[in-house]
Amino acid sequence: VDLVAAACLAAGGFFCLAGGIGVLRLPDFFSRLHAAGIIDTLGA
């Protein structure tokens, strides 16, 4: 259970980081909106 919880926390942190980078680096509104949705839905 501890290993699965740690994997979920690490994966969630990765998706939040990747989504945050996407919000900063993606070129248009719709792409950034998708990245922001990934942060909240998958990362959180």
PDB file of all heavy atoms in Angstrom:
ATOM      1  N   VAL A   1       0.842  -1.199   0.000  1.00  0.00           N
ATOM      2  CA  VAL A   1       0.000   0.000   0.000  1.00  0.00           C
ATOM      3  C   VAL A   1       0.877   1.247   0.000  1.00  0.00           C
ATOM      4  O   VAL A   1       0.596   2.216  -0.710  1.00  0.00           O
ATOM      5  CB  VAL A   1      -0.972  -0.016   1.203  1.00  0.00           C
ATOM      6  CG1 VAL A   1      -1.705   1.305   1.338  1.00  0.00           C
ATOM      7  CG2 VAL A   1      -1.964  -1.158   1.069  1.00  0.00           C
ATOM      8  N   ASP A   2       1.948   1.228   0.786  1.00  0.00           N
ATOM      9  CA  ASP A   2       2.865   2.369   0.813  1.00  0.00           C
ATOM     10  C   ASP A   2       3.536   2.582  -0.548  1.00  0.00           C
ATOM     11  O   ASP A   2       3.701   3.726  -0.990  1.00  0.00           O
ATOM     12  CB  ASP A   2       3.936   2.173   1.882  1.00  0.00           C
ATOM     13  CG  ASP A   2       3.398   2.342   3.292  1.00  0.00           C
ATOM     14  OD1 ASP A   2       2.289   2.909   3.443  1.00  0.00           O
ATOM     15  OD2 ASP A   2       4.084   1.899   4.234  1.00  0.00           O
ATOM     16  N   LEU A   3       3.918   1.509  -1.216  1.00  0.00           N
ATOM     17  CA  LEU A   3       4.542   1.631  -2.534  1.00  0.00           C
ATOM     18  C   LEU A   3       3.563   2.161  -3.584  1.00  0.00           C
ATOM     19  O   LEU A   3       3.917   3.017  -4.403  1.00  0.00           O
ATOM     20  CB  LEU A   3       5.119   0.288  -2.973  1.00  0.00           C
ATOM     21  CG  LEU A   3       6.351  -0.192  -2.224  1.00  0.00           C
ATOM     22  CD1 LEU A   3       6.736  -1.597  -2.664  1.00  0.00           C
ATOM     23  CD2 LEU A   3       7.505   0.772  -2.421  1.00  0.00           C
ATOM     24  N   VAL A   4       2.331   1.680  -3.553  1.00  0.00           N
ATOM     25  CA  VAL A   4       1.311   2.165  -4.493  1.00  0.00           C
ATOM     26  C   VAL A   4       1.006   3.633  -4.214  1.00  0.00           C
ATOM     27  O   VAL A   4       0.876   4.443  -5.146  1.00  0.00           O
ATOM     28  CB  VAL A   4       0.038   1.289  -4.417  1.00  0.00           C
ATOM     29  CG1 VAL A   4      -1.099   1.908  -5.211  1.00  0.00           C
ATOM     30  CG2 VAL A   4       0.325  -0.110  -4.910  1.00  0.00           C
ATOM     31  N   ALA A   5       0.911   3.999  -2.944  1.00  0.00           N
ATOM     32  CA  ALA A   5       0.659   5.397  -2.583  1.00  0.00           C
ATOM     33  C   ALA A   5       1.811   6.290  -3.039  1.00  0.00           C
ATOM     34  O   ALA A   5       1.590   7.375  -3.587  1.00  0.00           O
ATOM     35  CB  ALA A   5       0.455   5.530  -1.077  1.00  0.00           C
ATOM     36  N   ALA A   6       3.033   5.830  -2.849  1.00  0.00           N
ATOM     37  CA  ALA A   6       4.190   6.610  -3.290  1.00  0.00           C
ATOM     38  C   ALA A   6       4.211   6.745  -4.813  1.00  0.00           C
ATOM     39  O   ALA A   6       4.531   7.819  -5.342  1.00  0.00           O
ATOM     40  CB  ALA A   6       5.479   5.954  -2.805  1.00  0.00           C
ATOM     41  N   ALA A   7       3.841   5.676  -5.510  1.00  0.00           N
ATOM     42  CA  ALA A   7       3.781   5.744  -6.976  1.00  0.00           C
ATOM     43  C   ALA A   7       2.711   6.726  -7.430  1.00  0.00           C
ATOM     44  O   ALA A   7       2.924   7.497  -8.374  1.00  0.00           O
ATOM     45  CB  ALA A   7       3.521   4.353  -7.550  1.00  0.00           C
ATOM     46  N   CYS A   8       1.552   6.723  -6.772  1.00  0.00           N
ATOM     47  CA  CYS A   8       0.490   7.675  -7.118  1.00  0.00           C
ATOM     48  C   CYS A   8       0.927   9.112  -6.851  1.00  0.00           C
ATOM     49  O   CYS A   8       0.683  10.003  -7.676  1.00  0.00           O
ATOM     50  CB  CYS A   8      -0.779   7.372  -6.325  1.00  0.00           C
ATOM     51  SG  CYS A   8      -1.675   5.926  -6.878  1.00  0.00           S
ATOM     52  N   LEU A   9       1.568   9.339  -5.720  1.00  0.00           N
ATOM     53  CA  LEU A   9       2.043  10.682  -5.397  1.00  0.00           C
ATOM     54  C   LEU A   9       3.106  11.151  -6.384  1.00  0.00           C
ATOM     55  O   LEU A   9       3.090  12.299  -6.841  1.00  0.00           O
ATOM     56  CB  LEU A   9       2.570  10.729  -3.967  1.00  0.00           C
ATOM     57  CG  LEU A   9       1.518  10.600  -2.867  1.00  0.00           C
ATOM     58  CD1 LEU A   9       2.183  10.373  -1.519  1.00  0.00           C
ATOM     59  CD2 LEU A   9       0.628  11.820  -2.838  1.00  0.00           C
ATOM     60  N   ALA A  10       4.028  10.257  -6.737  1.00  0.00           N
ATOM     61  CA  ALA A  10       5.085  10.626  -7.689  1.00  0.00           C
ATOM     62  C   ALA A  10       4.508  10.882  -9.078  1.00  0.00           C
ATOM     63  O   ALA A  10       4.872  11.864  -9.743  1.00  0.00           O
ATOM     64  CB  ALA A  10       6.144   9.527  -7.747  1.00  0.00           C
ATOM     65  N   ALA A  11       3.597  10.026  -9.525  1.00  0.00           N
ATOM     66  CA  ALA A  11       2.985  10.217 -10.842  1.00  0.00           C
ATOM     67  C   ALA A  11       2.145  11.492 -10.860  1.00  0.00           C
ATOM     68  O   ALA A  11       2.168  12.241 -11.839  1.00  0.00           O
ATOM     69  CB  ALA A  11       2.133   9.006 -11.207  1.00  0.00           C
ATOM     70  N   GLY A  12       1.412  11.747  -9.783  1.00  0.00           N
ATOM     71  CA  GLY A  12       0.632  12.986  -9.700  1.00  0.00           C
ATOM     72  C   GLY A  12       1.517  14.211  -9.731  1.00  0.00           C
ATOM     73  O   GLY A  12       1.206  15.204 -10.402  1.00  0.00           O
ATOM     74  N   GLY A  13       2.633  14.161  -9.017  1.00  0.00           N
ATOM     75  CA  GLY A  13       3.587  15.270  -9.062  1.00  0.00           C
ATOM     76  C   GLY A  13       4.166  15.470 -10.442  1.00  0.00           C
ATOM     77  O   GLY A  13       4.322  16.601 -10.914  1.00  0.00           O
ATOM     78  N   PHE A  14       4.467  14.354 -11.139  1.00  0.00           N
ATOM     79  CA  PHE A  14       4.981  14.448 -12.508  1.00  0.00           C
ATOM     80  C   PHE A  14       3.962  15.103 -13.435  1.00  0.00           C
ATOM     81  O   PHE A  14       4.311  15.986 -14.224  1.00  0.00           O
ATOM     82  CB  PHE A  14       5.361  13.067 -13.028  1.00  0.00           C
ATOM     83  CG  PHE A  14       5.672  13.063 -14.495  1.00  0.00           C
ATOM     84  CD1 PHE A  14       6.874  13.566 -14.962  1.00  0.00           C
ATOM     85  CD2 PHE A  14       4.745  12.591 -15.407  1.00  0.00           C
ATOM     86  CE1 PHE A  14       7.155  13.584 -16.317  1.00  0.00           C
ATOM     87  CE2 PHE A  14       5.014  12.607 -16.759  1.00  0.00           C
ATOM     88  CZ  PHE A  14       6.218  13.107 -17.220  1.00  0.00           C
ATOM     89  N   PHE A  15       2.704  14.669 -13.354  1.00  0.00           N
ATOM     90  CA  PHE A  15       1.687  15.242 -14.237  1.00  0.00           C
ATOM     91  C   PHE A  15       1.426  16.709 -13.919  1.00  0.00           C
ATOM     92  O   PHE A  15       1.173  17.508 -14.822  1.00  0.00           O
ATOM     93  CB  PHE A  15       0.385  14.433 -14.172  1.00  0.00           C
ATOM     94  CG  PHE A  15       0.445  13.184 -14.988  1.00  0.00           C
ATOM     95  CD1 PHE A  15       0.442  11.945 -14.377  1.00  0.00           C
ATOM     96  CD2 PHE A  15       0.514  13.234 -16.371  1.00  0.00           C
ATOM     97  CE1 PHE A  15       0.498  10.786 -15.121  1.00  0.00           C
ATOM     98  CE2 PHE A  15       0.578  12.077 -17.125  1.00  0.00           C
ATOM     99  CZ  PHE A  15       0.565  10.846 -16.503  1.00  0.00           C
ATOM    100  N   CYS A  16       1.486  17.085 -12.649  1.00  0.00           N
ATOM    101  CA  CYS A  16       1.330  18.498 -12.295  1.00  0.00           C
ATOM    102  C   CYS A  16       2.494  19.325 -12.842  1.00  0.00           C
ATOM    103  O   CYS A  16       2.294  20.421 -13.374  1.00  0.00           O
ATOM    104  CB  CYS A  16       1.241  18.663 -10.780  1.00  0.00           C
ATOM    105  SG  CYS A  16      -0.340  18.163 -10.088  1.00  0.00           S
ATOM    106  N   LEU A  17       3.701  18.795 -12.731  1.00  0.00           N
ATOM    107  CA  LEU A  17       4.865  19.499 -13.256  1.00  0.00           C
ATOM    108  C   LEU A  17       4.807  19.607 -14.778  1.00  0.00           C
ATOM    109  O   LEU A  17       5.028  20.683 -15.350  1.00  0.00           O
ATOM    110  CB  LEU A  17       6.148  18.788 -12.821  1.00  0.00           C
ATOM    111  CG  LEU A  17       7.462  19.431 -13.260  1.00  0.00           C
ATOM    112  CD1 LEU A  17       7.626  20.795 -12.613  1.00  0.00           C
ATOM    113  CD2 LEU A  17       8.622  18.526 -12.921  1.00  0.00           C
ATOM    114  N   ALA A  18       4.483  18.496 -15.441  1.00  0.00           N
ATOM    115  CA  ALA A  18       4.395  18.509 -16.904  1.00  0.00           C
ATOM    116  C   ALA A  18       3.279  19.431 -17.375  1.00  0.00           C
ATOM    117  O   ALA A  18       3.441  20.174 -18.359  1.00  0.00           O
ATOM    118  CB  ALA A  18       4.172  17.096 -17.430  1.00  0.00           C
ATOM    119  N   GLY A  19       2.148  19.420 -16.689  1.00  0.00           N
ATOM    120  CA  GLY A  19       1.049  20.314 -17.059  1.00  0.00           C
ATOM    121  C   GLY A  19       1.401  21.770 -16.827  1.00  0.00           C
ATOM    122  O   GLY A  19       1.043  22.640 -17.622  1.00  0.00           O
ATOM    123  N   GLY A  20       2.115  22.056 -15.742  1.00  0.00           N
ATOM    124  CA  GLY A  20       2.553  23.433 -15.482  1.00  0.00           C
ATOM    125  C   GLY A  20       3.517  23.926 -16.541  1.00  0.00           C
ATOM    126  O   GLY A  20       3.433  25.080 -16.990  1.00  0.00           O
ATOM    127  N   ILE A  21       4.425  23.066 -16.956  1.00  0.00           N
ATOM    128  CA  ILE A  21       5.337  23.435 -18.048  1.00  0.00           C
ATOM    129  C   ILE A  21       4.545  23.642 -19.335  1.00  0.00           C
ATOM    130  O   ILE A  21       4.807  24.570 -20.100  1.00  0.00           O
ATOM    131  CB  ILE A  21       6.430  22.367 -18.223  1.00  0.00           C
ATOM    132  CG1 ILE A  21       7.363  22.380 -17.009  1.00  0.00           C
ATOM    133  CG2 ILE A  21       7.219  22.584 -19.507  1.00  0.00           C
ATOM    134  CD1 ILE A  21       8.331  21.222 -16.950  1.00  0.00           C
ATOM    135  N   GLY A  22       3.535  22.787 -19.561  1.00  0.00           N
ATOM    136  CA  GLY A  22       2.695  22.929 -20.741  1.00  0.00           C
ATOM    137  C   GLY A  22       1.932  24.239 -20.754  1.00  0.00           C
ATOM    138  O   GLY A  22       1.798  24.881 -21.805  1.00  0.00           O
ATOM    139  N   VAL A  23       1.429  24.653 -19.598  1.00  0.00           N
ATOM    140  CA  VAL A  23       0.712  25.928 -19.529  1.00  0.00           C
ATOM    141  C   VAL A  23       1.642  27.081 -19.901  1.00  0.00           C
ATOM    142  O   VAL A  23       1.243  28.039 -20.562  1.00  0.00           O
ATOM    143  CB  VAL A  23       0.105  26.134 -18.121  1.00  0.00           C
ATOM    144  CG1 VAL A  23      -0.384  27.548 -17.930  1.00  0.00           C
ATOM    145  CG2 VAL A  23      -1.033  25.159 -17.885  1.00  0.00           C
ATOM    146  N   LEU A  24       2.885  26.987 -19.502  1.00  0.00           N
ATOM    147  CA  LEU A  24       3.844  28.050 -19.810  1.00  0.00           C
ATOM    148  C   LEU A  24       4.360  28.000 -21.245  1.00  0.00           C
ATOM    149  O   LEU A  24       4.614  29.040 -21.850  1.00  0.00           O
ATOM    150  CB  LEU A  24       5.032  27.977 -18.853  1.00  0.00           C
ATOM    151  CG  LEU A  24       4.734  28.266 -17.391  1.00  0.00           C
ATOM    152  CD1 LEU A  24       5.979  28.012 -16.555  1.00  0.00           C
ATOM    153  CD2 LEU A  24       4.243  29.677 -17.216  1.00  0.00           C
ATOM    154  N   ARG A  25       4.515  26.818 -21.809  1.00  0.00           N
ATOM    155  CA  ARG A  25       5.232  26.682 -23.073  1.00  0.00           C
ATOM    156  C   ARG A  25       4.351  26.466 -24.307  1.00  0.00           C
ATOM    157  O   ARG A  25       4.812  26.685 -25.416  1.00  0.00           O
ATOM    158  CB  ARG A  25       6.203  25.503 -22.991  1.00  0.00           C
ATOM    159  CG  ARG A  25       7.180  25.581 -21.850  1.00  0.00           C
ATOM    160  CD  ARG A  25       8.477  26.102 -22.216  1.00  0.00           C
ATOM    161  NE  ARG A  25       8.940  25.542 -23.478  1.00  0.00           N
ATOM    162  CZ  ARG A  25      10.025  25.911 -24.073  1.00  0.00           C
ATOM    163  NH1 ARG A  25      10.771  26.812 -23.516  1.00  0.00           N
ATOM    164  NH2 ARG A  25      10.396  25.397 -25.217  1.00  0.00           N
ATOM    165  N   LEU A  26       3.127  25.988 -24.138  1.00  0.00           N
ATOM    166  CA  LEU A  26       2.300  25.695 -25.305  1.00  0.00           C
ATOM    167  C   LEU A  26       1.863  26.988 -25.993  1.00  0.00           C
ATOM    168  O   LEU A  26       1.693  28.015 -25.349  1.00  0.00           O
ATOM    169  CB  LEU A  26       1.099  24.836 -24.909  1.00  0.00           C
ATOM    170  CG  LEU A  26       1.478  23.396 -24.545  1.00  0.00           C
ATOM    171  CD1 LEU A  26       0.292  22.654 -23.975  1.00  0.00           C
ATOM    172  CD2 LEU A  26       2.033  22.651 -25.737  1.00  0.00           C
ATOM    173  N   PRO A  27       1.644  26.932 -27.315  1.00  0.00           N
ATOM    174  CA  PRO A  27       1.522  28.165 -28.088  1.00  0.00           C
ATOM    175  C   PRO A  27       0.167  28.860 -28.049  1.00  0.00           C
ATOM    176  O   PRO A  27       0.107  30.074 -28.192  1.00  0.00           O
ATOM    177  CB  PRO A  27       1.818  27.705 -29.519  1.00  0.00           C
ATOM    178  CG  PRO A  27       1.416  26.279 -29.546  1.00  0.00           C
ATOM    179  CD  PRO A  27       1.720  25.762 -28.176  1.00  0.00           C
ATOM    180  N   ASP A  28      -0.937  28.147 -27.859  1.00  0.00           N
ATOM    181  CA  ASP A  28      -2.224  28.828 -27.981  1.00  0.00           C
ATOM    182  C   ASP A  28      -3.132  28.488 -26.801  1.00  0.00           C
ATOM    183  O   ASP A  28      -2.830  27.620 -25.983  1.00  0.00           O
ATOM    184  CB  ASP A  28      -2.912  28.445 -29.306  1.00  0.00           C
ATOM    185  CG  ASP A  28      -3.238  26.979 -29.382  1.00  0.00           C
ATOM    186  OD1 ASP A  28      -2.307  26.159 -29.323  1.00  0.00           O
ATOM    187  OD2 ASP A  28      -4.411  26.647 -29.509  1.00  0.00           O
ATOM    188  N   PHE A  29      -4.237  29.190 -26.737  1.00  0.00           N
ATOM    189  CA  PHE A  29      -5.174  29.085 -25.624  1.00  0.00           C
ATOM    190  C   PHE A  29      -5.695  27.666 -25.437  1.00  0.00           C
ATOM    191  O   PHE A  29      -5.764  27.169 -24.316  1.00  0.00           O
ATOM    192  CB  PHE A  29      -6.342  30.053 -25.857  1.00  0.00           C
ATOM    193  CG  PHE A  29      -7.456  29.907 -24.872  1.00  0.00           C
ATOM    194  CD1 PHE A  29      -7.327  30.409 -23.592  1.00  0.00           C
ATOM    195  CD2 PHE A  29      -8.625  29.258 -25.213  1.00  0.00           C
ATOM    196  CE1 PHE A  29      -8.346  30.266 -22.669  1.00  0.00           C
ATOM    197  CE2 PHE A  29      -9.650  29.105 -24.300  1.00  0.00           C
ATOM    198  CZ  PHE A  29      -9.514  29.616 -23.025  1.00  0.00           C
ATOM    199  N   PHE A  30      -6.085  27.009 -26.511  1.00  0.00           N
ATOM    200  CA  PHE A  30      -6.699  25.691 -26.402  1.00  0.00           C
ATOM    201  C   PHE A  30      -5.695  24.641 -25.931  1.00  0.00           C
ATOM    202  O   PHE A  30      -6.041  23.749 -25.153  1.00  0.00           O
ATOM    203  CB  PHE A  30      -7.341  25.288 -27.729  1.00  0.00           C
ATOM    204  CG  PHE A  30      -8.517  26.158 -28.080  1.00  0.00           C
ATOM    205  CD1 PHE A  30      -8.390  27.181 -28.998  1.00  0.00           C
ATOM    206  CD2 PHE A  30      -9.735  25.970 -27.461  1.00  0.00           C
ATOM    207  CE1 PHE A  30      -9.462  27.988 -29.305  1.00  0.00           C
ATOM    208  CE2 PHE A  30     -10.816  26.772 -27.763  1.00  0.00           C
ATOM    209  CZ  PHE A  30     -10.684  27.796 -28.682  1.00  0.00           C
ATOM    210  N   SER A  31      -4.466  24.736 -26.370  1.00  0.00           N
ATOM    211  CA  SER A  31      -3.431  23.813 -25.893  1.00  0.00           C
ATOM    212  C   SER A  31      -3.140  24.045 -24.413  1.00  0.00           C
ATOM    213  O   SER A  31      -2.973  23.101 -23.640  1.00  0.00           O
ATOM    214  CB  SER A  31      -2.145  23.995 -26.692  1.00  0.00           C
ATOM    215  OG  SER A  31      -2.358  23.697 -28.039  1.00  0.00           O
ATOM    216  N   ARG A  32      -3.085  25.291 -24.026  1.00  0.00           N
ATOM    217  CA  ARG A  32      -2.847  25.612 -22.615  1.00  0.00           C
ATOM    218  C   ARG A  32      -4.014  25.166 -21.745  1.00  0.00           C
ATOM    219  O   ARG A  32      -3.826  24.710 -20.616  1.00  0.00           O
ATOM    220  CB  ARG A  32      -2.615  27.106 -22.454  1.00  0.00           C
ATOM    221  CG  ARG A  32      -1.306  27.550 -23.034  1.00  0.00           C
ATOM    222  CD  ARG A  32      -1.110  29.031 -22.915  1.00  0.00           C
ATOM    223  NE  ARG A  32       0.175  29.391 -23.487  1.00  0.00           N
ATOM    224  CZ  ARG A  32       0.597  30.618 -23.613  1.00  0.00           C
ATOM    225  NH1 ARG A  32      -0.162  31.618 -23.213  1.00  0.00           N
ATOM    226  NH2 ARG A  32       1.773  30.861 -24.143  1.00  0.00           N
ATOM    227  N   LEU A  33      -5.217  25.286 -22.279  1.00  0.00           N
ATOM    228  CA  LEU A  33      -6.395  24.844 -21.546  1.00  0.00           C
ATOM    229  C   LEU A  33      -6.355  23.330 -21.320  1.00  0.00           C
ATOM    230  O   LEU A  33      -6.708  22.842 -20.247  1.00  0.00           O
ATOM    231  CB  LEU A  33      -7.654  25.238 -22.320  1.00  0.00           C
ATOM    232  CG  LEU A  33      -8.988  25.077 -21.634  1.00  0.00           C
ATOM    233  CD1 LEU A  33      -9.051  25.938 -20.375  1.00  0.00           C
ATOM    234  CD2 LEU A  33     -10.099  25.483 -22.585  1.00  0.00           C
ATOM    235  N   HIS A  34      -5.896  22.604 -22.312  1.00  0.00           N
ATOM    236  CA  HIS A  34      -5.751  21.155 -22.173  1.00  0.00           C
ATOM    237  C   HIS A  34      -4.718  20.824 -21.088  1.00  0.00           C
ATOM    238  O   HIS A  34      -4.949  19.945 -20.249  1.00  0.00           O
ATOM    239  CB  HIS A  34      -5.329  20.543 -23.503  1.00  0.00           C
ATOM    240  CG  HIS A  34      -4.991  19.097 -23.420  1.00  0.00           C
ATOM    241  ND1 HIS A  34      -5.929  18.116 -23.202  1.00  0.00           N
ATOM    242  CD2 HIS A  34      -3.799  18.460 -23.496  1.00  0.00           C
ATOM    243  CE1 HIS A  34      -5.339  16.950 -23.161  1.00  0.00           C
ATOM    244  NE2 HIS A  34      -4.040  17.127 -23.334  1.00  0.00           N
ATOM    245  N   ALA A  35      -3.607  21.523 -21.084  1.00  0.00           N
ATOM    246  CA  ALA A  35      -2.575  21.282 -20.070  1.00  0.00           C
ATOM    247  C   ALA A  35      -3.104  21.590 -18.672  1.00  0.00           C
ATOM    248  O   ALA A  35      -2.844  20.848 -17.718  1.00  0.00           O
ATOM    249  CB  ALA A  35      -1.339  22.118 -20.368  1.00  0.00           C
ATOM    250  N   ALA A  36      -3.868  22.659 -18.541  1.00  0.00           N
ATOM    251  CA  ALA A  36      -4.434  23.005 -17.233  1.00  0.00           C
ATOM    252  C   ALA A  36      -5.437  21.954 -16.775  1.00  0.00           C
ATOM    253  O   ALA A  36      -5.510  21.628 -15.582  1.00  0.00           O
ATOM    254  CB  ALA A  36      -5.098  24.375 -17.303  1.00  0.00           C
ATOM    255  N   GLY A  37      -6.186  21.401 -17.703  1.00  0.00           N
ATOM    256  CA  GLY A  37      -7.121  20.339 -17.346  1.00  0.00           C
ATOM    257  C   GLY A  37      -6.415  19.083 -16.885  1.00  0.00           C
ATOM    258  O   GLY A  37      -6.878  18.377 -15.987  1.00  0.00           O
ATOM    259  N   ILE A  38      -5.268  18.790 -17.498  1.00  0.00           N
ATOM    260  CA  ILE A  38      -4.481  17.623 -17.091  1.00  0.00           C
ATOM    261  C   ILE A  38      -3.958  17.798 -15.669  1.00  0.00           C
ATOM    262  O   ILE A  38      -3.955  16.853 -14.876  1.00  0.00           O
ATOM    263  CB  ILE A  38      -3.301  17.394 -18.069  1.00  0.00           C
ATOM    264  CG1 ILE A  38      -3.821  16.981 -19.436  1.00  0.00           C
ATOM    265  CG2 ILE A  38      -2.320  16.363 -17.541  1.00  0.00           C
ATOM    266  CD1 ILE A  38      -4.539  15.668 -19.457  1.00  0.00           C
ATOM    267  N   ILE A  39      -3.548  19.010 -15.334  1.00  0.00           N
ATOM    268  CA  ILE A  39      -3.041  19.267 -13.983  1.00  0.00           C
ATOM    269  C   ILE A  39      -4.108  18.926 -12.954  1.00  0.00           C
ATOM    270  O   ILE A  39      -3.859  18.196 -11.995  1.00  0.00           O
ATOM    271  CB  ILE A  39      -2.619  20.743 -13.820  1.00  0.00           C
ATOM    272  CG1 ILE A  39      -1.397  21.060 -14.657  1.00  0.00           C
ATOM    273  CG2 ILE A  39      -2.350  21.057 -12.359  1.00  0.00           C
ATOM    274  CD1 ILE A  39      -1.065  22.533 -14.688  1.00  0.00           C
ATOM    275  N   ASP A  40      -5.314  19.443 -13.154  1.00  0.00           N
ATOM    276  CA  ASP A  40      -6.364  19.243 -12.156  1.00  0.00           C
ATOM    277  C   ASP A  40      -6.946  17.836 -12.186  1.00  0.00           C
ATOM    278  O   ASP A  40      -7.193  17.242 -11.149  1.00  0.00           O
ATOM    279  CB  ASP A  40      -7.491  20.251 -12.371  1.00  0.00           C
ATOM    280  CG  ASP A  40      -7.118  21.643 -11.890  1.00  0.00           C
ATOM    281  OD1 ASP A  40      -6.161  21.741 -11.110  1.00  0.00           O
ATOM    282  OD2 ASP A  40      -7.776  22.603 -12.294  1.00  0.00           O
ATOM    283  N   THR A  41      -7.191  17.314 -13.380  1.00  0.00           N
ATOM    284  CA  THR A  41      -7.862  16.030 -13.456  1.00  0.00           C
ATOM    285  C   THR A  41      -6.922  14.881 -13.103  1.00  0.00           C
ATOM    286  O   THR A  41      -7.221  14.067 -12.224  1.00  0.00           O
ATOM    287  CB  THR A  41      -8.440  15.808 -14.865  1.00  0.00           C
ATOM    288  OG1 THR A  41      -9.283  16.909 -15.183  1.00  0.00           O
ATOM    289  CG2 THR A  41      -9.239  14.541 -14.934  1.00  0.00           C
ATOM    290  N   LEU A  42      -5.802  14.797 -13.774  1.00  0.00           N
ATOM    291  CA  LEU A  42      -4.917  13.651 -13.593  1.00  0.00           C
ATOM    292  C   LEU A  42      -3.914  13.878 -12.461  1.00  0.00           C
ATOM    293  O   LEU A  42      -3.758  13.021 -11.589  1.00  0.00           O
ATOM    294  CB  LEU A  42      -4.181  13.356 -14.901  1.00  0.00           C
ATOM    295  CG  LEU A  42      -3.455  12.034 -15.001  1.00  0.00           C
ATOM    296  CD1 LEU A  42      -4.415  10.879 -14.747  1.00  0.00           C
ATOM    297  CD2 LEU A  42      -2.836  11.887 -16.363  1.00  0.00           C
ATOM    298  N   GLY A  43      -3.266  15.029 -12.449  1.00  0.00           N
ATOM    299  CA  GLY A  43      -2.250  15.283 -11.426  1.00  0.00           C
ATOM    300  C   GLY A  43      -2.832  15.325 -10.026  1.00  0.00           C
ATOM    301  O   GLY A  43      -2.399  14.586  -9.131  1.00  0.00           O
ATOM    302  N   ALA A  44      -3.816  16.179  -9.830  1.00  0.00           N
ATOM    303  CA  ALA A  44      -4.420  16.289  -8.499  1.00  0.00           C
ATOM    304  C   ALA A  44      -5.166  15.016  -8.134  1.00  0.00           C
ATOM    305  O   ALA A  44      -5.192  14.609  -6.961  1.00  0.00           O
ATOM    306  CB  ALA A  44      -5.359  17.490  -8.449  1.00  0.00           C
TER     307      ALA A  44
END
